[in-house]
Protein backbone atom coordinates (compact mmCIF):
# COMPACT_ATOMS: atom_id res chain seq x y z
CA MET A 1 6.07 -14.58 -26.26
CA PRO A 2 6.21 -10.57 -24.83
CA VAL A 3 3.23 -8.88 -25.35
CA ASN A 4 3.72 -5.60 -27.30
CA PRO A 5 2.81 -2.69 -25.11
CA ALA A 6 1.48 -0.88 -28.00
CA THR A 7 -1.10 -3.62 -28.51
CA PRO A 8 -4.37 -4.27 -26.35
CA ASN A 9 -5.08 -6.34 -23.77
CA PRO A 10 -7.98 -6.44 -22.92
CA ALA A 11 -7.50 -9.33 -19.92
CA VAL A 12 -5.75 -6.36 -18.12
CA MET A 13 -8.41 -3.75 -18.78
CA GLU A 14 -11.09 -6.07 -17.43
CA PHE A 15 -9.52 -6.91 -14.62
CA LEU A 16 -9.10 -2.98 -14.43
CA LEU A 17 -12.66 -2.06 -14.51
CA SER A 18 -13.61 -5.25 -11.86
CA ARG A 19 -11.06 -4.53 -9.65
CA ARG A 20 -11.79 -4.77 -5.80
CA SER A 21 -10.26 -4.23 -2.68
CA ARG A 22 -10.60 -6.67 -0.50
CA PRO A 23 -10.81 -5.34 3.71
CA ALA A 24 -8.14 -5.98 5.20
CA LYS A 25 -9.85 -7.69 8.15
CA THR A 26 -11.32 -9.75 5.97
CA LEU A 27 -8.10 -11.35 4.76
CA LYS A 28 -6.74 -14.77 6.06
CA ALA A 29 -3.73 -17.06 6.73
CA PRO A 30 -2.04 -17.70 4.02
CA ALA A 31 0.02 -15.28 2.78
CA PRO A 32 2.55 -15.19 0.04
CA THR A 33 5.77 -16.45 0.41
CA ARG A 34 8.55 -15.18 0.07
CA ALA A 35 9.03 -16.50 -3.56
CA GLU A 36 5.51 -15.34 -4.45
CA LEU A 37 5.66 -11.97 -3.15
CA MET A 38 8.64 -10.93 -5.09
CA PRO A 39 7.01 -10.41 -8.72
CA ILE A 40 4.47 -8.40 -7.04
CA LEU A 41 7.63 -6.05 -5.49
CA GLU A 42 8.98 -6.36 -9.42
CA ALA A 43 5.67 -5.03 -10.18
CA ALA A 44 5.40 -2.04 -7.76
CA ALA A 45 9.24 -1.27 -8.66
CA ARG A 46 8.39 -0.29 -12.31
CA THR A 47 5.58 2.64 -11.05
CA PRO A 48 6.36 5.72 -13.13
CA ASP A 49 9.50 8.04 -11.03
CA HIS A 50 10.36 10.58 -12.82
CA GLY A 51 14.14 11.36 -13.15
CA LYS A 52 14.83 7.59 -11.84
CA LEU A 53 14.90 8.58 -8.29
CA GLU A 54 13.44 5.89 -6.28
CA PRO A 55 11.89 8.04 -4.08
CA TRP A 56 10.99 5.35 -2.27
CA ARG A 57 11.47 2.52 -0.64
CA MET A 58 9.66 -0.92 0.45
CA VAL A 59 9.57 -3.02 3.55
CA VAL A 60 8.53 -6.22 3.95
CA LEU A 61 5.99 -7.27 6.97
CA GLU A 62 5.79 -10.84 7.65
CA ARG A 63 3.51 -12.28 10.83
CA ALA A 64 6.21 -11.84 13.75
CA ALA A 65 6.78 -8.19 12.55
CA LEU A 66 3.12 -7.60 12.72
CA GLU A 67 2.74 -8.76 15.96
CA ARG A 68 6.26 -6.50 17.06
CA LEU A 69 3.97 -3.78 15.29
CA ALA A 70 1.14 -4.19 17.35
CA SER A 71 2.57 -4.44 20.45
CA MET A 72 4.38 -1.02 19.34
CA ALA A 73 1.18 0.40 18.42
CA GLU A 74 -0.12 -0.36 22.05
CA ALA A 75 2.74 1.01 24.04
CA ARG A 76 2.62 4.34 21.28
CA ALA A 77 -0.88 4.95 21.89
CA ARG A 78 -0.49 4.21 25.95
CA ALA A 79 1.88 6.75 25.87
CA LEU A 80 -0.01 9.07 23.69
CA GLY A 81 -3.07 8.51 26.22
CA ALA A 82 -5.47 7.55 23.29
CA ASP A 83 -8.92 6.44 24.10
CA PRO A 84 -9.66 2.44 23.78
CA GLU A 85 -11.58 2.92 20.44
CA ARG A 86 -8.45 4.44 18.66
CA THR A 87 -5.73 2.05 20.03
CA GLU A 88 -7.72 -0.87 19.00
CA LYS A 89 -7.94 0.12 15.74
CA GLY A 90 -3.95 1.05 15.95
CA MET A 91 -3.37 -2.26 17.03
CA ALA A 92 -5.52 -3.93 14.82
CA GLN A 93 -4.36 -3.33 11.78
CA PHE A 94 -1.05 -5.01 12.74
CA ARG A 95 -2.32 -7.84 15.30
CA ASP A 96 -4.65 -8.51 12.72
CA GLY A 97 -3.00 -8.16 9.50
CA GLN A 98 -1.03 -12.10 7.57
CA LEU A 99 1.28 -9.91 5.87
CA ALA A 100 1.96 -6.30 4.86
CA VAL A 101 4.20 -4.31 2.49
CA ALA A 102 4.94 -0.79 4.21
CA VAL A 103 5.98 1.55 1.25
CA ILE A 104 8.15 4.37 2.86
CA GLU A 105 8.73 7.56 0.22
CA PHE A 106 11.89 8.55 0.79
CA PRO A 107 12.56 12.12 -0.65
CA VAL A 108 15.59 12.74 -2.76
CA LEU A 109 16.35 16.72 -2.73
CA THR A 110 16.64 18.12 -6.51
CA ASP A 111 16.28 21.08 -8.37
CA LYS A 112 15.02 19.35 -11.02
CA PHE A 113 12.29 17.52 -9.86
CA PRO A 114 9.59 18.77 -7.07
CA LEU A 115 9.23 16.62 -3.66
CA VAL A 116 5.36 16.11 -4.71
CA GLU A 117 6.06 14.13 -7.61
CA GLN A 118 8.21 11.73 -5.52
CA THR A 119 5.25 11.58 -3.32
CA TYR A 120 2.93 10.53 -6.43
CA SER A 121 5.19 8.16 -7.10
CA ALA A 122 5.43 6.72 -4.12
CA GLY A 123 1.65 6.44 -3.87
CA ALA A 124 2.02 4.86 -7.64
CA VAL A 125 3.89 2.00 -6.11
CA CYS A 126 1.35 1.51 -3.07
CA LEU A 127 -1.09 1.16 -6.30
CA ALA A 128 0.84 -0.87 -8.04
CA LEU A 129 1.47 -3.49 -5.27
CA LEU A 130 -2.15 -3.71 -4.43
CA ASN A 131 -3.37 -4.36 -8.15
CA ALA A 132 -0.40 -6.27 -8.57
CA ALA A 133 -1.10 -9.02 -5.25
CA LEU A 134 -5.16 -8.76 -6.76
CA ALA A 135 -3.62 -9.93 -10.50
CA SER A 136 -1.79 -12.82 -8.82
CA GLY A 137 -5.03 -14.85 -6.74
CA TRP A 138 -4.85 -12.82 -3.47
CA GLY A 139 -6.73 -10.29 -1.54
CA ALA A 140 -5.24 -6.95 -1.11
CA ASN A 141 -5.94 -3.61 0.79
CA TRP A 142 -4.04 -0.51 1.02
CA LEU A 143 -4.21 1.01 4.73
CA SER A 144 -2.84 4.06 6.72
CA GLY A 145 -3.90 4.84 9.65
CA TRP A 146 -2.85 6.95 11.96
CA LEU A 147 0.13 5.70 12.88
CA SER A 148 2.16 5.66 9.37
CA HIS A 149 1.90 9.38 10.42
CA ASP A 150 3.31 9.29 14.13
CA ALA A 151 6.96 10.11 13.92
CA GLU A 152 8.17 8.33 17.15
CA PHE A 153 5.99 5.10 15.92
CA CYS A 154 7.36 4.93 12.41
CA ALA A 155 10.98 5.57 13.92
CA GLU A 156 10.77 3.13 16.42
CA ALA A 157 8.99 0.57 14.19
CA LEU A 158 10.20 0.66 10.94
CA GLY A 159 13.48 2.72 11.56
CA MET A 160 12.36 5.64 8.90
CA THR A 161 14.33 9.19 9.25
CA PRO A 162 12.23 12.42 10.09
CA GLN A 163 12.39 13.03 6.10
CA GLU A 164 10.53 9.89 5.12
CA ARG A 165 6.87 9.32 5.42
CA VAL A 166 4.49 6.46 5.13
CA ALA A 167 2.70 6.81 1.94
CA GLY A 168 0.85 3.39 3.13
CA PHE A 169 0.55 -0.21 4.75
CA ILE A 170 -0.69 -2.91 1.64
CA HIS A 171 -1.65 -5.48 3.13
CA ILE A 172 -2.06 -9.36 1.11
CA ALA A 173 -3.19 -12.73 1.83
CA THR A 174 -6.39 -14.88 1.03
CA GLU A 175 -9.48 -13.78 0.80
CA GLY A 176 -11.62 -13.90 3.35
CA THR A 177 -14.96 -13.06 1.71
CA THR A 178 -15.67 -11.74 -1.55
CA PRO A 179 -17.21 -8.00 -0.74
CA PRO A 180 -19.87 -6.36 -3.15
CA ASP A 181 -18.83 -3.64 -5.07
CA ARG A 182 -19.21 -0.33 -3.75
CA PRO A 183 -20.68 3.05 -5.81
CA ARG A 184 -17.77 4.77 -7.97
CA PRO A 185 -17.09 7.95 -8.89
CA ASP A 186 -19.56 9.58 -11.71
CA LEU A 187 -18.10 10.29 -14.55
CA GLN A 188 -20.23 13.08 -15.79
CA ARG A 189 -18.63 14.68 -12.64
CA VAL A 190 -15.50 13.91 -12.50
CA VAL A 191 -14.55 14.11 -16.15
CA THR A 192 -14.52 17.53 -18.21
CA TRP A 193 -13.13 17.65 -21.86
CA GLN A 194 -10.92 20.72 -23.46
CA SER A 195 -11.25 20.31 -26.87
CA ASP A 196 -9.18 23.92 -27.75
C-alpha cells in the first residue's frame, strides 16, 4: 500500500540521520546486477528538476568499462606529464571499482531556468544515487577526481560534449568494512534563524 507523502516515515528519517558513505577503496565484489541497479537509478531520476529539463544523464560503468577507463586514465596522465601519485590516484578510482554510475550534467539552454539550478539538479542526482544505493544495502561513495575535470579524457572515455560536465562518479558495490562515523557539522555554527 503506497505511503501518503505527508505521513511521517521514521525509518527513512533514521536512515538519513545515520547514513554514511563507504570509502570507494573498501568496496568489493559483487556489485549490483542490472536488475538490482534499476530501482536505484529510478530513485535518482526522481530528483528535483526545475522545468522538467532533465539536465543530466547517467552512464553505468560496469567492470570492463572501468578497466578501460583505468587504462585511458594512465595514458592521459602520461600525456600530461602527471607525477606518479596523481597518475595512480586517477587510475585507481576506475581500476579498483566494481561498478560506477557517472552522472553527467547536460545543460539545457533556456531563459526560464538558470544553468546553476541545472547544476544543482545534477548534484542532487548524485546524492539520490548514493542514498538509494545505501538504502538498498550496498556500499556507495561519490567521487570526482582530477580526470572528471579533464575535457579530453571525458570526451574520449565517456563520449561527452564540451558543454557537459561530470557531476560525480557514484561507486556502488559490497561494503568491505564499516567505517567509523566522522564528525558532522555543528548546527549552531551553520544554521541561522530568521523570524521576521
